[in-house]
Amino acid sequence: MPQKFPIVIIGAGFGGLQAAKSLARSGKEVLLIDRNNYHTFVPLLYQVATGQIEPELIAYPVRTILRRRYGHFLMAEVEEIDFSHRVVRTNKLDIQYDYLVVATGSQTQYFGVAGAAEFALPMRTLEQAVTLRDRIFSCFEAASCLEPEHRQHLLTFAIVGGGATGVEIVGAFVELVRSRIRREYPSLNWREVKLILLQSSDRLLKEFPAKLGGAAQKYLQKLGVDIRLETRVKQISAQEVYLSNGQKISTATVIWTAGLEAAIPNSSQELITATKGKLCVKATLQSLTYPNVYAIGDAAYVEHLVKPLSGVAPVALQQGIAVAQNITRQMRGQKLKPFRYFNKGRLAIVGCYSGVGLIGKWKLTGILAWAMWLGVHLVYLPGLRNRLVVLISWLQTYLLGDRPVRSILASHRLLETAAIKTSNKHQ
């Protein structure tokens, strides 16, 4: 027999956690399900990938958040949702629900590019960020053992996607190669490190006004980043990136930040979906076919909106509150209210003490936007200890020009050997 919970939430991201916390006042038992027992603070993944902070600092235990009577937690993999019988089937047990919130977030989208899933490195999860960090430092270690004419392949890094994530990671990469790490690899010429940012559209940061995208592009080019606009990736192999214009880039590391799609669990009944596999929901965030099912965050496409919402944390947080209020109203037989997003602004960090931001009608660039980005994310990072340690890490990075994380995990040390073999084979 399935266990029964009045309200079940799938996904412990920003939206799912906020919904669980907001529903604590409903008087009904709430169950939160996630494959991990921690909440990942996704905006700082790129800093884990570039050795700026430890991965544990952006992973906060879900049970610690929920122990203040916010609900129950189940660490499990959702295998299927049976909407007709109101059952969530997991790899551990089946859960029956009265109300369901799908807050499963997004996953990497490769747009059918051959070899992308096999050879490109995405950065959507904590494990992926650590794998990318290990690859970067493995390339440095491997290159330090080679003659100058044989290591360019290892010191070339291609970043696919010129949105906020791509811009942030390439900026952090510049900071990394300009840091004190130079002293630790005396045999390397750091001018040999090539950062190539590939963007399919005609400008960076399409989610920002053109002026801010242009400012970010000029600053990154000033830092030495090779930016190639209107450039599509055709194929990726273990050694090269093939472009649609016939050119190719020799590299051992391809970082994929080009696209996302909804990560919706399998279901026994088909639901109406929109672009990127998102579930179509009403203005109240209810499913079009099942009024007791809600979807929020990257999993939802709100039909009544003229312009789709960005997949950022503030949207998920506000939807988490809205869905909790509507479920409470629905249980009481009250009229539901449509979701309205209040845009507080958007910030992106470019690196090396610079950023861009749009706050209302104000367009910000430079150190002010950079400082605001750091401040906002420090405030929203869960856990007092995490905030303090991250702040210390930032002081070490920006005041002393140092990176506190250098380790290559034992499980990934084979990357260094593989990188040397790949480079030698390529030559």
Protein backbone atom coordinates (compact mmCIF):
# COMPACT_ATOMS: atom_id res chain seq x y z
CA MET A 1 0.00 0.00 0.00
CA PRO A 2 1.33 3.46 -0.87
CA GLN A 3 2.00 5.89 1.94
CA LYS A 4 -0.41 8.83 1.96
CA PHE A 5 0.47 12.52 2.23
CA PRO A 6 -1.96 15.37 1.59
CA ILE A 7 0.69 17.44 -0.22
CA VAL A 8 3.72 16.09 -2.11
CA ILE A 9 6.45 18.27 -3.62
CA ILE A 10 8.99 16.84 -6.06
CA GLY A 11 12.26 18.78 -6.16
CA ALA A 12 14.25 20.51 -3.42
CA GLY A 13 15.38 23.47 -5.51
CA PHE A 14 14.51 27.08 -4.82
CA GLY A 15 10.82 26.70 -5.70
CA GLY A 16 10.23 23.34 -4.03
CA LEU A 17 11.82 24.36 -0.75
CA GLN A 18 9.97 27.66 -0.69
CA ALA A 19 6.67 25.87 -1.33
CA ALA A 20 7.36 23.43 1.52
CA LYS A 21 8.19 26.25 3.91
CA SER A 22 5.14 28.29 2.89
CA LEU A 23 2.83 25.28 3.21
CA ALA A 24 3.91 24.71 6.80
CA ARG A 25 1.09 27.00 7.88
CA SER A 26 -1.56 24.96 6.06
CA GLY A 27 -1.93 22.46 8.88
CA LYS A 28 -1.47 19.55 6.44
CA GLU A 29 1.47 17.15 6.27
CA VAL A 30 3.87 17.95 3.44
CA LEU A 31 6.35 15.52 1.88
CA LEU A 32 9.32 16.82 -0.11
CA ILE A 33 11.07 14.34 -2.45
CA ASP A 34 14.50 14.78 -4.03
CA ARG A 35 17.23 12.48 -5.32
CA ASN A 36 19.78 14.35 -3.18
CA ASN A 37 19.61 15.05 0.54
CA TYR A 38 20.89 18.58 -0.01
CA HIS A 39 19.77 21.78 -1.69
CA THR A 40 22.23 23.10 -4.29
CA PHE A 41 22.73 26.85 -4.49
CA VAL A 42 22.98 26.77 -8.28
CA PRO A 43 24.13 30.41 -8.87
CA LEU A 44 27.52 29.60 -7.30
CA LEU A 45 28.21 26.38 -9.21
CA TYR A 46 30.62 28.19 -11.52
CA GLN A 47 32.72 29.21 -8.50
CA VAL A 48 33.00 25.56 -7.48
CA ALA A 49 34.02 24.67 -11.03
CA THR A 50 36.83 27.26 -11.05
CA GLY A 51 38.26 26.42 -7.62
CA GLN A 52 36.98 29.48 -5.80
CA ILE A 53 34.87 27.77 -3.13
CA GLU A 54 34.44 24.26 -1.74
CA PRO A 55 31.44 22.32 -3.08
CA GLU A 56 30.08 21.72 0.43
CA LEU A 57 29.54 25.47 0.84
CA ILE A 58 26.70 25.52 -1.68
CA ALA A 59 25.13 22.23 -0.60
CA TYR A 60 22.81 22.66 2.39
CA PRO A 61 21.07 19.65 4.02
CA VAL A 62 17.36 19.53 3.20
CA ARG A 63 16.52 17.96 6.55
CA THR A 64 18.19 20.86 8.35
CA ILE A 65 15.89 23.26 6.51
CA LEU A 66 12.79 21.15 7.14
CA ARG A 67 13.41 20.33 10.80
CA ARG A 68 11.66 23.54 11.81
CA ARG A 69 8.33 21.76 11.23
CA TYR A 70 8.25 22.52 7.53
CA GLY A 71 7.46 18.93 6.56
CA HIS A 72 8.84 15.48 5.84
CA PHE A 73 11.62 14.51 3.44
CA LEU A 74 12.25 11.46 1.28
CA MET A 75 15.55 10.96 -0.53
CA ALA A 76 14.49 8.96 -3.58
CA GLU A 77 14.44 8.89 -7.36
CA VAL A 78 11.00 9.53 -8.85
CA GLU A 79 10.42 6.84 -11.47
CA GLU A 80 6.87 7.67 -12.55
CA ILE A 81 3.86 9.81 -11.70
CA ASP A 82 0.40 8.31 -12.08
CA PHE A 83 -1.77 11.42 -12.27
CA SER A 84 -5.03 9.49 -12.65
CA HIS A 85 -4.53 7.54 -9.42
CA ARG A 86 -2.60 10.34 -7.67
CA VAL A 87 0.48 8.23 -7.00
CA VAL A 88 4.17 9.11 -7.17
CA ARG A 89 6.29 6.00 -7.68
CA THR A 90 9.88 6.17 -6.48
CA ASN A 91 12.73 3.67 -6.29
CA LYS A 92 11.99 3.25 -2.56
CA LEU A 93 8.21 3.40 -2.11
CA ASP A 94 5.00 4.68 -3.62
CA ILE A 95 3.41 7.88 -2.34
CA GLN A 96 -0.25 8.80 -2.70
CA TYR A 97 -1.16 12.49 -2.69
CA ASP A 98 -4.08 14.86 -2.72
CA TYR A 99 -2.06 17.77 -4.15
CA LEU A 100 1.19 17.57 -6.10
CA VAL A 101 3.78 20.25 -6.87
CA VAL A 102 6.26 19.48 -9.67
CA ALA A 103 9.38 21.55 -8.99
CA THR A 104 11.95 19.34 -10.69
CA GLY A 105 13.91 22.14 -12.34
CA SER A 106 15.88 21.80 -15.55
CA GLN A 107 18.54 19.70 -17.22
CA THR A 108 21.10 20.29 -19.95
CA GLN A 109 19.81 20.55 -23.51
CA TYR A 110 22.23 19.65 -26.31
CA PHE A 111 20.07 20.63 -29.33
CA GLY A 112 21.02 17.44 -31.14
CA VAL A 113 24.71 18.40 -31.47
CA ALA A 114 26.62 15.21 -32.24
CA GLY A 115 29.01 14.21 -29.46
CA ALA A 116 27.88 16.95 -27.06
CA ALA A 117 26.37 14.60 -24.49
CA GLU A 118 29.44 12.34 -24.59
CA PHE A 119 32.30 14.84 -24.62
CA ALA A 120 31.06 18.25 -23.41
CA LEU A 121 31.01 19.05 -19.70
CA PRO A 122 27.73 20.57 -18.44
CA MET A 123 27.39 22.44 -15.16
CA ARG A 124 23.90 21.92 -13.76
CA THR A 125 24.66 19.80 -10.67
CA LEU A 126 27.23 19.84 -7.90
CA GLU A 127 28.81 16.65 -9.21
CA GLN A 128 29.17 18.18 -12.67
CA ALA A 129 30.80 21.31 -11.24
CA VAL A 130 33.33 19.19 -9.32
CA THR A 131 34.02 17.10 -12.44
CA LEU A 132 34.67 20.29 -14.41
CA ARG A 133 37.01 21.60 -11.70
CA ASP A 134 38.92 18.32 -11.78
CA ARG A 135 39.19 18.49 -15.56
CA ILE A 136 40.56 22.05 -15.47
CA PHE A 137 43.23 21.29 -12.90
CA SER A 138 44.02 17.94 -14.55
CA CYS A 139 44.72 19.80 -17.78
CA PHE A 140 47.07 22.17 -15.93
CA GLU A 141 48.88 19.25 -14.29
CA ALA A 142 49.14 17.33 -17.55
CA ALA A 143 50.32 20.38 -19.53
CA SER A 144 53.08 21.08 -17.00
CA CYS A 145 54.64 17.73 -17.92
CA LEU A 146 54.75 18.41 -21.64
CA GLU A 147 56.96 20.43 -23.94
CA PRO A 148 55.51 23.83 -24.98
CA GLU A 149 54.73 22.67 -28.52
CA HIS A 150 52.64 19.76 -27.23
CA ARG A 151 50.40 21.40 -24.63
CA GLN A 152 48.27 23.94 -26.47
CA HIS A 153 45.56 21.32 -26.89
CA LEU A 154 45.28 21.00 -23.09
CA LEU A 155 45.37 24.74 -22.45
CA THR A 156 42.54 25.60 -24.84
CA PHE A 157 39.08 25.74 -23.27
CA ALA A 158 35.91 26.16 -25.32
CA ILE A 159 32.78 27.49 -23.61
CA VAL A 160 29.59 26.92 -25.59
CA GLY A 161 26.83 29.39 -24.73
CA GLY A 162 27.00 33.14 -24.14
CA GLY A 163 24.22 33.50 -21.59
CA ALA A 164 24.72 34.45 -17.95
CA THR A 165 26.26 31.09 -17.01
CA GLY A 166 28.72 31.11 -19.90
CA VAL A 167 29.76 34.70 -19.22
CA GLU A 168 30.16 34.06 -15.48
CA ILE A 169 32.29 30.96 -15.87
CA VAL A 170 34.58 32.46 -18.52
CA GLY A 171 35.08 35.53 -16.33
CA ALA A 172 35.91 33.35 -13.34
CA PHE A 173 38.30 31.38 -15.54
CA VAL A 174 40.18 34.57 -16.37
CA GLU A 175 40.44 35.31 -12.64
CA LEU A 176 41.79 31.80 -12.08
CA VAL A 177 44.61 32.05 -14.62
CA ARG A 178 45.52 35.52 -13.32
CA SER A 179 45.66 34.39 -9.69
CA ARG A 180 48.62 33.17 -7.65
CA ILE A 181 48.21 29.78 -9.29
CA ARG A 182 50.77 31.02 -11.80
CA ARG A 183 53.49 30.54 -9.18
CA GLU A 184 52.52 26.92 -8.69
CA TYR A 185 53.16 25.97 -12.33
CA PRO A 186 56.50 27.63 -13.16
CA SER A 187 56.87 25.54 -16.33
CA LEU A 188 53.66 26.91 -17.87
CA ASN A 189 53.36 30.03 -19.95
CA TRP A 190 49.92 31.31 -18.94
CA ARG A 191 49.65 33.32 -22.14
CA GLU A 192 49.12 29.96 -23.83
CA VAL A 193 45.77 29.53 -22.06
CA LYS A 194 43.03 30.20 -24.62
CA LEU A 195 39.44 30.82 -23.60
CA ILE A 196 37.03 30.65 -26.53
CA LEU A 197 33.41 31.66 -25.94
CA LEU A 198 31.03 30.43 -28.65
CA GLN A 199 27.62 32.09 -28.98
CA SER A 200 25.05 31.20 -31.64
CA SER A 201 23.28 34.60 -31.57
CA ASP A 202 24.63 38.02 -32.49
CA ARG A 203 25.39 39.13 -28.90
CA LEU A 204 26.06 37.93 -25.38
CA LEU A 205 23.51 37.93 -22.54
CA LYS A 206 20.36 37.85 -24.65
CA GLU A 207 18.31 38.00 -21.44
CA PHE A 208 19.70 41.51 -20.79
CA PRO A 209 19.37 44.71 -22.86
CA ALA A 210 21.75 44.90 -25.82
CA LYS A 211 23.77 47.66 -24.14
CA LEU A 212 24.65 45.39 -21.21
CA GLY A 213 25.47 42.46 -23.46
CA GLY A 214 27.77 44.69 -25.46
CA ALA A 215 29.46 45.97 -22.31
CA ALA A 216 30.09 42.41 -21.13
CA GLN A 217 31.52 41.48 -24.52
CA LYS A 218 33.93 44.41 -24.62
CA TYR A 219 35.15 43.73 -21.10
CA LEU A 220 35.74 40.03 -21.70
CA GLN A 221 37.58 40.78 -24.93
CA LYS A 222 39.73 43.24 -23.01
CA LEU A 223 40.55 40.38 -20.63
CA GLY A 224 41.72 38.27 -23.56
CA VAL A 225 38.68 36.06 -24.17
CA ASP A 226 38.17 35.00 -27.80
CA ILE A 227 34.44 35.66 -28.38
CA ARG A 228 32.86 34.26 -31.53
CA LEU A 229 29.31 35.42 -32.15
CA GLU A 230 26.86 33.86 -34.62
CA THR A 231 28.86 30.67 -34.36
CA ARG A 232 27.12 27.32 -34.04
CA VAL A 233 28.66 24.08 -32.88
CA LYS A 234 28.12 21.22 -35.33
CA GLN A 235 29.92 18.37 -33.62
CA ILE A 236 32.14 17.67 -30.59
CA SER A 237 34.73 14.93 -30.26
CA ALA A 238 37.23 14.05 -27.54
CA GLN A 239 39.81 16.27 -29.24
CA GLU A 240 38.01 18.92 -31.28
CA VAL A 241 34.98 21.16 -31.66
CA TYR A 242 33.62 21.36 -35.21
CA LEU A 243 31.82 24.59 -36.12
CA SER A 244 29.10 25.12 -38.71
CA ASN A 245 31.35 27.51 -40.66
CA GLY A 246 33.81 24.69 -41.35
CA GLN A 247 36.36 25.71 -38.72
CA LYS A 248 37.46 23.47 -35.87
CA ILE A 249 38.98 24.07 -32.45
CA SER A 250 41.52 21.70 -30.94
CA THR A 251 40.70 21.33 -27.24
CA ALA A 252 40.52 18.73 -24.47
CA THR A 253 37.80 20.63 -22.59
CA VAL A 254 34.41 21.79 -23.83
CA ILE A 255 32.16 23.47 -21.27
CA TRP A 256 28.48 23.37 -22.25
CA THR A 257 26.23 26.19 -21.00
CA ALA A 258 24.16 26.59 -24.16
CA GLY A 259 20.70 25.41 -23.23
CA LEU A 260 18.28 23.94 -20.71
CA GLU A 261 15.08 21.94 -20.83
CA ALA A 262 12.60 20.92 -18.18
CA ALA A 263 13.46 17.81 -16.17
CA ILE A 264 9.99 16.27 -15.94
CA PRO A 265 9.59 12.76 -14.43
CA ASN A 266 8.00 10.01 -16.50
CA SER A 267 4.23 9.81 -16.24
CA SER A 268 1.57 7.24 -17.06
CA GLN A 269 -0.55 9.94 -18.73
CA GLU A 270 0.52 12.51 -21.27
CA LEU A 271 0.45 16.14 -20.16
CA ILE A 272 0.32 19.23 -22.32
CA THR A 273 3.83 20.60 -22.71
CA ALA A 274 5.35 23.71 -24.26
CA THR A 275 8.79 24.72 -25.44
CA LYS A 276 11.74 22.98 -23.78
CA GLY A 277 9.44 20.28 -22.43
CA LYS A 278 7.85 22.49 -19.78
CA LEU A 279 4.45 21.63 -18.36
CA CYS A 280 1.75 24.06 -19.48
CA VAL A 281 0.01 25.56 -16.46
CA LYS A 282 -2.79 28.04 -15.93
CA ALA A 283 -2.28 31.47 -14.48
CA THR A 284 -2.89 29.84 -11.09
CA LEU A 285 0.09 27.49 -11.78
CA GLN A 286 -2.29 24.51 -12.02
CA SER A 287 -1.93 21.84 -14.69
CA LEU A 288 -4.32 22.27 -17.61
CA THR A 289 -5.66 18.73 -17.15
CA TYR A 290 -5.29 17.99 -13.43
CA PRO A 291 -6.42 20.82 -11.12
CA ASN A 292 -4.73 19.23 -8.09
CA VAL A 293 -1.32 19.25 -9.82
CA TYR A 294 0.88 22.36 -9.90
CA ALA A 295 4.20 23.08 -11.63
CA ILE A 296 6.69 25.84 -10.83
CA GLY A 297 10.15 27.07 -11.75
CA ASP A 298 11.91 25.65 -14.78
CA ALA A 299 9.31 22.87 -14.97
CA ALA A 300 6.44 25.27 -15.73
CA TYR A 301 5.28 27.30 -18.70
CA VAL A 302 2.67 29.86 -17.60
CA GLU A 303 0.29 30.28 -20.53
CA HIS A 304 -1.19 33.67 -19.67
CA LEU A 305 2.16 35.45 -19.84
CA VAL A 306 3.07 37.22 -23.08
CA LYS A 307 6.80 36.76 -22.42
CA PRO A 308 8.12 33.53 -20.86
CA LEU A 309 9.72 33.92 -17.45
CA SER A 310 13.47 33.51 -17.06
CA GLY A 311 14.69 30.39 -15.30
CA VAL A 312 16.14 32.23 -12.32
CA ALA A 313 15.81 31.74 -8.58
CA PRO A 314 13.54 34.76 -7.88
CA VAL A 315 10.89 33.38 -10.25
CA ALA A 316 10.94 29.96 -8.55
CA LEU A 317 10.84 31.51 -5.08
CA GLN A 318 7.83 33.68 -5.86
CA GLN A 319 6.06 30.78 -7.54
CA GLY A 320 6.74 28.61 -4.50
CA ILE A 321 4.91 31.12 -2.33
CA ALA A 322 2.08 31.53 -4.85
CA VAL A 323 1.49 27.79 -5.26
CA ALA A 324 1.40 27.31 -1.49
CA GLN A 325 -1.22 30.03 -1.17
CA ASN A 326 -3.34 28.56 -3.97
CA ILE A 327 -3.20 25.02 -2.57
CA THR A 328 -4.32 26.40 0.79
CA ARG A 329 -7.18 28.27 -0.93
CA GLN A 330 -8.13 25.19 -2.91
CA MET A 331 -8.33 23.06 0.24
CA ARG A 332 -10.63 25.68 1.78
CA GLY A 333 -12.82 25.92 -1.32
CA GLN A 334 -11.76 29.49 -2.00
CA LYS A 335 -11.08 31.14 -5.36
CA LEU A 336 -7.51 30.80 -6.60
CA LYS A 337 -5.40 33.78 -7.58
CA PRO A 338 -3.28 34.13 -10.72
CA PHE A 339 0.48 34.29 -10.32
CA ARG A 340 2.08 37.67 -10.92
CA TYR A 341 5.83 37.96 -11.00
CA PHE A 342 7.44 41.01 -9.43
CA ASN A 343 10.76 41.56 -11.20
CA LYS A 344 13.27 42.94 -8.71
CA GLY A 345 15.97 43.12 -11.36
CA ARG A 346 18.66 40.94 -12.86
CA LEU A 347 22.40 40.81 -12.23
CA ALA A 348 25.27 38.91 -13.84
CA ILE A 349 28.90 38.84 -12.84
CA VAL A 350 31.44 39.22 -15.64
CA GLY A 351 34.60 38.69 -13.60
CA CYS A 352 37.62 40.71 -12.53
CA TYR A 353 35.58 43.21 -10.48
CA SER A 354 32.96 43.80 -13.16
CA GLY A 355 29.33 42.90 -13.71
CA VAL A 356 26.13 44.02 -15.40
CA GLY A 357 22.67 44.59 -13.99
CA LEU A 358 19.19 45.77 -14.82
CA ILE A 359 17.27 47.19 -11.84
CA GLY A 360 14.00 48.70 -13.02
CA LYS A 361 15.02 51.08 -15.79
CA TRP A 362 18.56 51.43 -14.46
CA LYS A 363 21.31 49.71 -16.42
CA LEU A 364 24.40 49.05 -14.30
CA THR A 365 27.89 48.04 -15.36
CA GLY A 366 31.25 47.68 -13.68
CA ILE A 367 32.19 47.26 -10.04
CA LEU A 368 28.82 48.37 -8.64
CA ALA A 369 26.94 45.59 -10.43
CA TRP A 370 29.70 43.16 -9.41
CA ALA A 371 29.43 44.12 -5.72
CA MET A 372 25.62 43.96 -5.82
CA TRP A 373 25.76 40.47 -7.32
CA LEU A 374 28.06 39.25 -4.55
CA GLY A 375 25.93 40.86 -1.84
CA VAL A 376 22.63 39.46 -3.10
CA HIS A 377 23.94 35.92 -3.41
CA LEU A 378 25.65 36.03 -0.05
CA VAL A 379 22.34 36.99 1.59
CA TYR A 380 20.36 34.23 -0.13
CA LEU A 381 22.96 31.49 0.43
CA PRO A 382 21.47 29.16 3.09
CA GLY A 383 23.38 28.58 6.33
CA LEU A 384 25.25 31.08 8.50
CA ARG A 385 28.45 29.05 8.43
CA ASN A 386 28.29 28.75 4.66
CA ARG A 387 27.91 32.52 4.31
CA LEU A 388 30.88 33.20 6.57
CA VAL A 389 33.19 30.71 4.86
CA VAL A 390 32.16 31.88 1.38
CA LEU A 391 32.81 35.48 2.43
CA ILE A 392 36.30 34.49 3.65
CA SER A 393 36.92 32.64 0.37
CA TRP A 394 35.89 35.72 -1.60
CA LEU A 395 38.22 37.91 0.45
CA GLN A 396 41.04 35.47 -0.23
CA THR A 397 40.20 35.47 -3.93
CA TYR A 398 39.64 39.18 -4.54
CA LEU A 399 42.04 40.74 -2.03
CA LEU A 400 44.91 38.23 -2.12
CA GLY A 401 44.44 36.97 -5.68
CA ASP A 402 44.44 33.36 -4.52
CA ARG A 403 42.19 30.33 -5.01
CA PRO A 404 41.65 28.13 -1.93
CA VAL A 405 40.68 24.95 -3.79
CA ARG A 406 43.23 22.98 -5.81
CA SER A 407 42.36 19.34 -5.14
CA ILE A 408 41.71 16.77 -7.85
CA LEU A 409 39.54 14.05 -6.32
CA ALA A 410 40.88 10.50 -6.33
CA SER A 411 37.97 9.30 -8.46
CA HIS A 412 38.94 11.78 -11.18
CA ARG A 413 42.73 11.44 -11.19
CA LEU A 414 42.61 9.31 -14.31
CA LEU A 415 41.65 12.49 -16.15
CA GLU A 416 45.23 13.70 -15.96
CA THR A 417 46.64 10.53 -17.52
CA ALA A 418 43.89 10.53 -20.13
CA ALA A 419 44.59 14.18 -20.94
CA ILE A 420 48.30 13.47 -21.53
CA LYS A 421 47.50 10.50 -23.78
CA THR A 422 44.90 12.49 -25.71
CA SER A 423 47.32 15.38 -26.21
CA ASN A 424 50.15 13.11 -27.36
CA LYS A 425 47.80 11.27 -29.71
CA HIS A 426 46.55 14.57 -31.08
CA GLN A 427 50.09 15.69 -31.80
